[in-house]
């Protein structure tokens, strides 16, 4: 039997299009406005400058439990 998605998983699935292409700070603000927590996991191995890292940031989004990483760009 498959477990139902957590609140974070369900929210991310519903808002995936809203997050695509957003600068990282805006994506984090949108996720946190839903009452979820965000942690930056990795800014990418191909970091060139502070202006380019937004497209490569991996975020971990949680409600009560860690659900996985999502791309904010």
PDB file of N, CA and C in Angstrom:
ATOM      1  N   UNK A   1       0.842  -1.176   0.000  1.00  0.00           N
ATOM      2  CA  UNK A   1       0.000   0.000   0.000  1.00  0.00           C
ATOM      3  C   UNK A   1       0.892   1.246   0.000  1.00  0.00           C
ATOM      4  N   UNK A   2       0.588   2.152  -0.879  1.00  0.00           N
ATOM      5  CA  UNK A   2       1.381   3.371  -1.013  1.00  0.00           C
ATOM      6  C   UNK A   2       0.927   4.418   0.002  1.00  0.00           C
ATOM      7  N   UNK A   3       1.898   5.083   0.622  1.00  0.00           N
ATOM      8  CA  UNK A   3       1.581   6.132   1.589  1.00  0.00           C
ATOM      9  C   UNK A   3       1.115   7.389   0.860  1.00  0.00           C
ATOM     10  N   UNK A   4       0.156   8.101   1.424  1.00  0.00           N
ATOM     11  CA  UNK A   4      -0.250   9.368   0.804  1.00  0.00           C
ATOM     12  C   UNK A   4       0.884  10.383   0.920  1.00  0.00           C
ATOM     13  N   UNK A   5       0.938  11.341   0.010  1.00  0.00           N
ATOM     14  CA  UNK A   5       2.019  12.330   0.073  1.00  0.00           C
ATOM     15  C   UNK A   5       1.912  13.185   1.327  1.00  0.00           C
ATOM     16  N   UNK A   6       3.065  13.629   1.822  1.00  0.00           N
ATOM     17  CA  UNK A   6       3.052  14.567   2.934  1.00  0.00           C
ATOM     18  C   UNK A   6       2.526  15.901   2.426  1.00  0.00           C
ATOM     19  N   UNK A   7       2.248  16.791   3.336  1.00  0.00           N
ATOM     20  CA  UNK A   7       1.768  18.119   2.940  1.00  0.00           C
ATOM     21  C   UNK A   7       2.794  18.821   2.056  1.00  0.00           C
ATOM     22  N   UNK A   8       4.078  18.676   2.400  1.00  0.00           N
ATOM     23  CA  UNK A   8       5.126  19.309   1.598  1.00  0.00           C
ATOM     24  C   UNK A   8       5.166  18.732   0.192  1.00  0.00           C
ATOM     25  N   UNK A   9       5.100  17.412   0.077  1.00  0.00           N
ATOM     26  CA  UNK A   9       5.112  16.783  -1.242  1.00  0.00           C
ATOM     27  C   UNK A   9       3.924  17.235  -2.079  1.00  0.00           C
ATOM     28  N   UNK A  10       2.753  17.268  -1.468  1.00  0.00           N
ATOM     29  CA  UNK A  10       1.556  17.682  -2.194  1.00  0.00           C
ATOM     30  C   UNK A  10       1.658  19.138  -2.635  1.00  0.00           C
ATOM     31  N   UNK A  11       2.165  19.998  -1.752  1.00  0.00           N
ATOM     32  CA  UNK A  11       2.293  21.418  -2.097  1.00  0.00           C
ATOM     33  C   UNK A  11       3.280  21.600  -3.240  1.00  0.00           C
ATOM     34  N   UNK A  12       4.422  20.909  -3.170  1.00  0.00           N
ATOM     35  CA  UNK A  12       5.437  21.033  -4.221  1.00  0.00           C
ATOM     36  C   UNK A  12       4.912  20.561  -5.566  1.00  0.00           C
ATOM     37  N   UNK A  13       4.170  19.466  -5.565  1.00  0.00           N
ATOM     38  CA  UNK A  13       3.602  18.971  -6.817  1.00  0.00           C
ATOM     39  C   UNK A  13       2.631  19.987  -7.406  1.00  0.00           C
ATOM     40  N   UNK A  14       1.803  20.562  -6.561  1.00  0.00           N
ATOM     41  CA  UNK A  14       0.810  21.534  -7.014  1.00  0.00           C
ATOM     42  C   UNK A  14       1.451  22.832  -7.505  1.00  0.00           C
ATOM     43  N   UNK A  15       2.565  23.237  -6.910  1.00  0.00           N
ATOM     44  CA  UNK A  15       3.171  24.540  -7.214  1.00  0.00           C
ATOM     45  C   UNK A  15       4.480  24.448  -7.999  1.00  0.00           C
ATOM     46  N   UNK A  16       4.760  23.291  -8.573  1.00  0.00           N
ATOM     47  CA  UNK A  16       6.008  23.112  -9.313  1.00  0.00           C
ATOM     48  C   UNK A  16       6.175  24.168 -10.411  1.00  0.00           C
ATOM     49  N   UNK A  17       5.121  24.456 -11.135  1.00  0.00           N
ATOM     50  CA  UNK A  17       5.187  25.468 -12.192  1.00  0.00           C
ATOM     51  C   UNK A  17       5.439  26.862 -11.655  1.00  0.00           C
ATOM     52  N   UNK A  18       4.917  27.148 -10.462  1.00  0.00           N
ATOM     53  CA  UNK A  18       5.131  28.461  -9.847  1.00  0.00           C
ATOM     54  C   UNK A  18       6.593  28.661  -9.452  1.00  0.00           C
ATOM     55  N   UNK A  19       7.271  27.575  -9.087  1.00  0.00           N
ATOM     56  CA  UNK A  19       8.655  27.662  -8.627  1.00  0.00           C
ATOM     57  C   UNK A  19       9.657  27.708  -9.776  1.00  0.00           C
ATOM     58  N   UNK A  20       9.287  27.149 -10.915  1.00  0.00           N
ATOM     59  CA  UNK A  20      10.217  27.052 -12.048  1.00  0.00           C
ATOM     60  C   UNK A  20      10.693  28.434 -12.474  1.00  0.00           C
ATOM     61  N   UNK A  21      12.000  28.592 -12.501  1.00  0.00           N
ATOM     62  CA  UNK A  21      12.592  29.830 -12.980  1.00  0.00           C
ATOM     63  C   UNK A  21      12.652  30.970 -11.981  1.00  0.00           C
ATOM     64  N   UNK A  22      12.075  30.780 -10.794  1.00  0.00           N
ATOM     65  CA  UNK A  22      12.143  31.851  -9.796  1.00  0.00           C
ATOM     66  C   UNK A  22      13.558  31.977  -9.245  1.00  0.00           C
ATOM     67  N   UNK A  23      13.989  33.189  -8.925  1.00  0.00           N
ATOM     68  CA  UNK A  23      15.239  33.313  -8.169  1.00  0.00           C
ATOM     69  C   UNK A  23      15.094  32.557  -6.844  1.00  0.00           C
ATOM     70  N   UNK A  24      16.172  32.045  -6.337  1.00  0.00           N
ATOM     71  CA  UNK A  24      16.119  31.215  -5.137  1.00  0.00           C
ATOM     72  C   UNK A  24      15.428  31.907  -3.972  1.00  0.00           C
ATOM     73  N   UNK A  25      15.748  33.153  -3.716  1.00  0.00           N
ATOM     74  CA  UNK A  25      15.142  33.868  -2.585  1.00  0.00           C
ATOM     75  C   UNK A  25      13.627  33.939  -2.740  1.00  0.00           C
ATOM     76  N   UNK A  26      13.143  34.139  -3.954  1.00  0.00           N
ATOM     77  CA  UNK A  26      11.700  34.196  -4.188  1.00  0.00           C
ATOM     78  C   UNK A  26      11.060  32.826  -4.015  1.00  0.00           C
ATOM     79  N   UNK A  27      11.744  31.777  -4.480  1.00  0.00           N
ATOM     80  CA  UNK A  27      11.227  30.421  -4.314  1.00  0.00           C
ATOM     81  C   UNK A  27      11.131  30.066  -2.834  1.00  0.00           C
ATOM     82  N   UNK A  28      12.163  30.414  -2.076  1.00  0.00           N
ATOM     83  CA  UNK A  28      12.154  30.143  -0.638  1.00  0.00           C
ATOM     84  C   UNK A  28      11.018  30.902   0.036  1.00  0.00           C
ATOM     85  N   UNK A  29      10.837  32.159  -0.311  1.00  0.00           N
ATOM     86  CA  UNK A  29       9.760  32.957   0.284  1.00  0.00           C
ATOM     87  C   UNK A  29       8.397  32.356  -0.033  1.00  0.00           C
ATOM     88  N   UNK A  30       8.198  31.895  -1.267  1.00  0.00           N
ATOM     89  CA  UNK A  30       6.918  31.294  -1.652  1.00  0.00           C
ATOM     90  C   UNK A  30       6.665  30.015  -0.867  1.00  0.00           C
ATOM     91  N   UNK A  31       7.688  29.173  -0.753  1.00  0.00           N
ATOM     92  CA  UNK A  31       7.546  27.921  -0.012  1.00  0.00           C
ATOM     93  C   UNK A  31       7.279  28.198   1.465  1.00  0.00           C
ATOM     94  N   UNK A  32       8.026  29.127   2.053  1.00  0.00           N
ATOM     95  CA  UNK A  32       7.834  29.439   3.472  1.00  0.00           C
ATOM     96  C   UNK A  32       6.484  30.089   3.729  1.00  0.00           C
ATOM     97  N   UNK A  33       5.940  30.807   2.746  1.00  0.00           N
ATOM     98  CA  UNK A  33       4.619  31.423   2.929  1.00  0.00           C
ATOM     99  C   UNK A  33       3.525  30.367   3.063  1.00  0.00           C
ATOM    100  N   UNK A  34       3.815  29.144   2.625  1.00  0.00           N
ATOM    101  CA  UNK A  34       2.867  28.040   2.773  1.00  0.00           C
ATOM    102  C   UNK A  34       3.046  27.324   4.111  1.00  0.00           C
ATOM    103  N   UNK A  35       3.954  27.833   4.950  1.00  0.00           N
ATOM    104  CA  UNK A  35       4.182  27.227   6.258  1.00  0.00           C
ATOM    105  C   UNK A  35       5.143  26.053   6.228  1.00  0.00           C
ATOM    106  N   UNK A  36       5.879  25.889   5.123  1.00  0.00           N
ATOM    107  CA  UNK A  36       6.859  24.820   5.015  1.00  0.00           C
ATOM    108  C   UNK A  36       8.246  25.372   5.315  1.00  0.00           C
ATOM    109  N   UNK A  37       9.156  24.484   5.671  1.00  0.00           N
ATOM    110  CA  UNK A  37      10.532  24.890   5.954  1.00  0.00           C
ATOM    111  C   UNK A  37      11.418  24.550   4.762  1.00  0.00           C
ATOM    112  N   UNK A  38      12.412  25.380   4.527  1.00  0.00           N
ATOM    113  CA  UNK A  38      13.320  25.197   3.392  1.00  0.00           C
ATOM    114  C   UNK A  38      14.752  25.233   3.895  1.00  0.00           C
ATOM    115  N   UNK A  39      15.567  24.345   3.369  1.00  0.00           N
ATOM    116  CA  UNK A  39      16.996  24.355   3.682  1.00  0.00           C
ATOM    117  C   UNK A  39      17.758  24.250   2.367  1.00  0.00           C
ATOM    118  N   UNK A  40      18.730  25.132   2.166  1.00  0.00           N
ATOM    119  CA  UNK A  40      19.563  25.069   0.966  1.00  0.00           C
ATOM    120  C   UNK A  40      20.562  23.940   1.160  1.00  0.00           C
ATOM    121  N   UNK A  41      20.550  22.981   0.241  1.00  0.00           N
ATOM    122  CA  UNK A  41      21.433  21.825   0.344  1.00  0.00           C
ATOM    123  C   UNK A  41      22.709  21.993  -0.454  1.00  0.00           C
ATOM    124  N   UNK A  42      22.594  22.558  -1.633  1.00  0.00           N
ATOM    125  CA  UNK A  42      23.732  22.562  -2.543  1.00  0.00           C
ATOM    126  C   UNK A  42      23.557  23.693  -3.531  1.00  0.00           C
ATOM    127  N   UNK A  43      24.595  24.459  -3.713  1.00  0.00           N
ATOM    128  CA  UNK A  43      24.516  25.542  -4.688  1.00  0.00           C
ATOM    129  C   UNK A  43      25.142  25.146  -6.017  1.00  0.00           C
ATOM    130  N   UNK A  44      25.418  23.903  -6.199  1.00  0.00           N
ATOM    131  CA  UNK A  44      25.869  23.411  -7.495  1.00  0.00           C
ATOM    132  C   UNK A  44      27.376  23.441  -7.670  1.00  0.00           C
ATOM    133  N   UNK A  45      27.874  22.455  -8.351  1.00  0.00           N
ATOM    134  CA  UNK A  45      29.315  22.344  -8.559  1.00  0.00           C
ATOM    135  C   UNK A  45      29.823  23.325  -9.605  1.00  0.00           C
ATOM    136  N   UNK A  46      28.938  23.819 -10.452  1.00  0.00           N
ATOM    137  CA  UNK A  46      29.366  24.700 -11.540  1.00  0.00           C
ATOM    138  C   UNK A  46      29.148  26.164 -11.199  1.00  0.00           C
ATOM    139  N   UNK A  47      29.280  26.495  -9.936  1.00  0.00           N
ATOM    140  CA  UNK A  47      29.080  27.875  -9.493  1.00  0.00           C
ATOM    141  C   UNK A  47      30.092  28.802 -10.166  1.00  0.00           C
ATOM    142  N   UNK A  48      29.593  29.821 -10.837  1.00  0.00           N
ATOM    143  CA  UNK A  48      30.480  30.761 -11.506  1.00  0.00           C
ATOM    144  C   UNK A  48      30.506  32.108 -10.813  1.00  0.00           C
ATOM    145  N   UNK A  49      29.363  32.561 -10.367  1.00  0.00           N
ATOM    146  CA  UNK A  49      29.282  33.860  -9.703  1.00  0.00           C
ATOM    147  C   UNK A  49      27.992  33.895  -8.901  1.00  0.00           C
ATOM    148  N   UNK A  50      27.866  34.828  -7.957  1.00  0.00           N
ATOM    149  CA  UNK A  50      26.622  34.923  -7.184  1.00  0.00           C
ATOM    150  C   UNK A  50      25.394  35.142  -8.069  1.00  0.00           C
ATOM    151  N   UNK A  51      25.562  35.717  -9.247  1.00  0.00           N
ATOM    152  CA  UNK A  51      24.420  35.978 -10.117  1.00  0.00           C
ATOM    153  C   UNK A  51      23.917  34.716 -10.810  1.00  0.00           C
ATOM    154  N   UNK A  52      24.745  33.682 -10.906  1.00  0.00           N
ATOM    155  CA  UNK A  52      24.348  32.492 -11.656  1.00  0.00           C
ATOM    156  C   UNK A  52      23.896  31.335 -10.783  1.00  0.00           C
ATOM    157  N   UNK A  53      24.115  31.398  -9.485  1.00  0.00           N
ATOM    158  CA  UNK A  53      23.822  30.213  -8.681  1.00  0.00           C
ATOM    159  C   UNK A  53      22.350  29.931  -8.506  1.00  0.00           C
ATOM    160  N   UNK A  54      21.470  30.924  -8.688  1.00  0.00           N
ATOM    161  CA  UNK A  54      20.045  30.710  -8.467  1.00  0.00           C
ATOM    162  C   UNK A  54      19.474  29.575  -9.309  1.00  0.00           C
ATOM    163  N   UNK A  55      19.994  29.361 -10.503  1.00  0.00           N
ATOM    164  CA  UNK A  55      19.450  28.326 -11.369  1.00  0.00           C
ATOM    165  C   UNK A  55      19.865  26.923 -10.956  1.00  0.00           C
ATOM    166  N   UNK A  56      20.772  26.805 -10.016  1.00  0.00           N
ATOM    167  CA  UNK A  56      21.304  25.491  -9.675  1.00  0.00           C
ATOM    168  C   UNK A  56      21.139  25.124  -8.199  1.00  0.00           C
ATOM    169  N   UNK A  57      20.367  25.854  -7.475  1.00  0.00           N
ATOM    170  CA  UNK A  57      20.231  25.584  -6.047  1.00  0.00           C
ATOM    171  C   UNK A  57      19.276  24.420  -5.818  1.00  0.00           C
ATOM    172  N   UNK A  58      19.679  23.497  -4.982  1.00  0.00           N
ATOM    173  CA  UNK A  58      18.802  22.410  -4.571  1.00  0.00           C
ATOM    174  C   UNK A  58      18.264  22.738  -3.189  1.00  0.00           C
ATOM    175  N   UNK A  59      16.970  22.621  -3.029  1.00  0.00           N
ATOM    176  CA  UNK A  59      16.324  22.924  -1.757  1.00  0.00           C
ATOM    177  C   UNK A  59      15.733  21.653  -1.180  1.00  0.00           C
ATOM    178  N   UNK A  60      15.717  21.569   0.131  1.00  0.00           N
ATOM    179  CA  UNK A  60      14.994  20.492   0.790  1.00  0.00           C
ATOM    180  C   UNK A  60      13.821  21.145   1.497  1.00  0.00           C
ATOM    181  N   UNK A  61      12.631  20.661   1.236  1.00  0.00           N
ATOM    182  CA  UNK A  61      11.410  21.257   1.757  1.00  0.00           C
ATOM    183  C   UNK A  61      10.739  20.242   2.671  1.00  0.00           C
ATOM    184  N   UNK A  62      10.339  20.696   3.853  1.00  0.00           N
ATOM    185  CA  UNK A  62       9.769  19.771   4.826  1.00  0.00           C
ATOM    186  C   UNK A  62       8.511  20.325   5.465  1.00  0.00           C
ATOM    187  N   UNK A  63       7.674  19.421   5.950  1.00  0.00           N
ATOM    188  CA  UNK A  63       6.636  19.818   6.892  1.00  0.00           C
ATOM    189  C   UNK A  63       7.058  19.218   8.228  1.00  0.00           C
ATOM    190  N   UNK A  64       6.770  17.951   8.482  1.00  0.00           N
ATOM    191  CA  UNK A  64       7.275  17.304   9.686  1.00  0.00           C
ATOM    192  C   UNK A  64       8.475  16.416   9.392  1.00  0.00           C
ATOM    193  N   UNK A  65       8.609  16.018   8.146  1.00  0.00           N
ATOM    194  CA  UNK A  65       9.687  15.116   7.779  1.00  0.00           C
ATOM    195  C   UNK A  65      10.322  15.584   6.476  1.00  0.00           C
ATOM    196  N   UNK A  66      11.575  15.241   6.293  1.00  0.00           N
ATOM    197  CA  UNK A  66      12.260  15.587   5.050  1.00  0.00           C
ATOM    198  C   UNK A  66      11.628  14.792   3.915  1.00  0.00           C
ATOM    199  N   UNK A  67      11.312  15.466   2.827  1.00  0.00           N
ATOM    200  CA  UNK A  67      10.654  14.782   1.717  1.00  0.00           C
ATOM    201  C   UNK A  67      11.509  14.695   0.470  1.00  0.00           C
ATOM    202  N   UNK A  68      12.573  15.437   0.382  1.00  0.00           N
ATOM    203  CA  UNK A  68      13.425  15.339  -0.786  1.00  0.00           C
ATOM    204  C   UNK A  68      13.857  16.687  -1.299  1.00  0.00           C
ATOM    205  N   UNK A  69      14.625  16.656  -2.337  1.00  0.00           N
ATOM    206  CA  UNK A  69      15.183  17.879  -2.896  1.00  0.00           C
ATOM    207  C   UNK A  69      14.379  18.326  -4.105  1.00  0.00           C
ATOM    208  N   UNK A  70      14.285  19.619  -4.289  1.00  0.00           N
ATOM    209  CA  UNK A  70      13.627  20.186  -5.464  1.00  0.00           C
ATOM    210  C   UNK A  70      14.542  21.242  -6.051  1.00  0.00           C
ATOM    211  N   UNK A  71      14.423  21.445  -7.328  1.00  0.00           N
ATOM    212  CA  UNK A  71      15.206  22.485  -7.980  1.00  0.00           C
ATOM    213  C   UNK A  71      14.422  23.777  -7.976  1.00  0.00           C
ATOM    214  N   UNK A  72      15.102  24.852  -7.691  1.00  0.00           N
ATOM    215  CA  UNK A  72      14.438  26.159  -7.686  1.00  0.00           C
ATOM    216  C   UNK A  72      14.738  26.917  -8.963  1.00  0.00           C
ATOM    217  N   UNK A  73      15.107  26.239  -9.994  1.00  0.00           N
ATOM    218  CA  UNK A  73      15.399  26.943 -11.226  1.00  0.00           C
ATOM    219  C   UNK A  73      15.343  26.054 -12.417  1.00  0.00           C
TER     220      UNK A  73
END
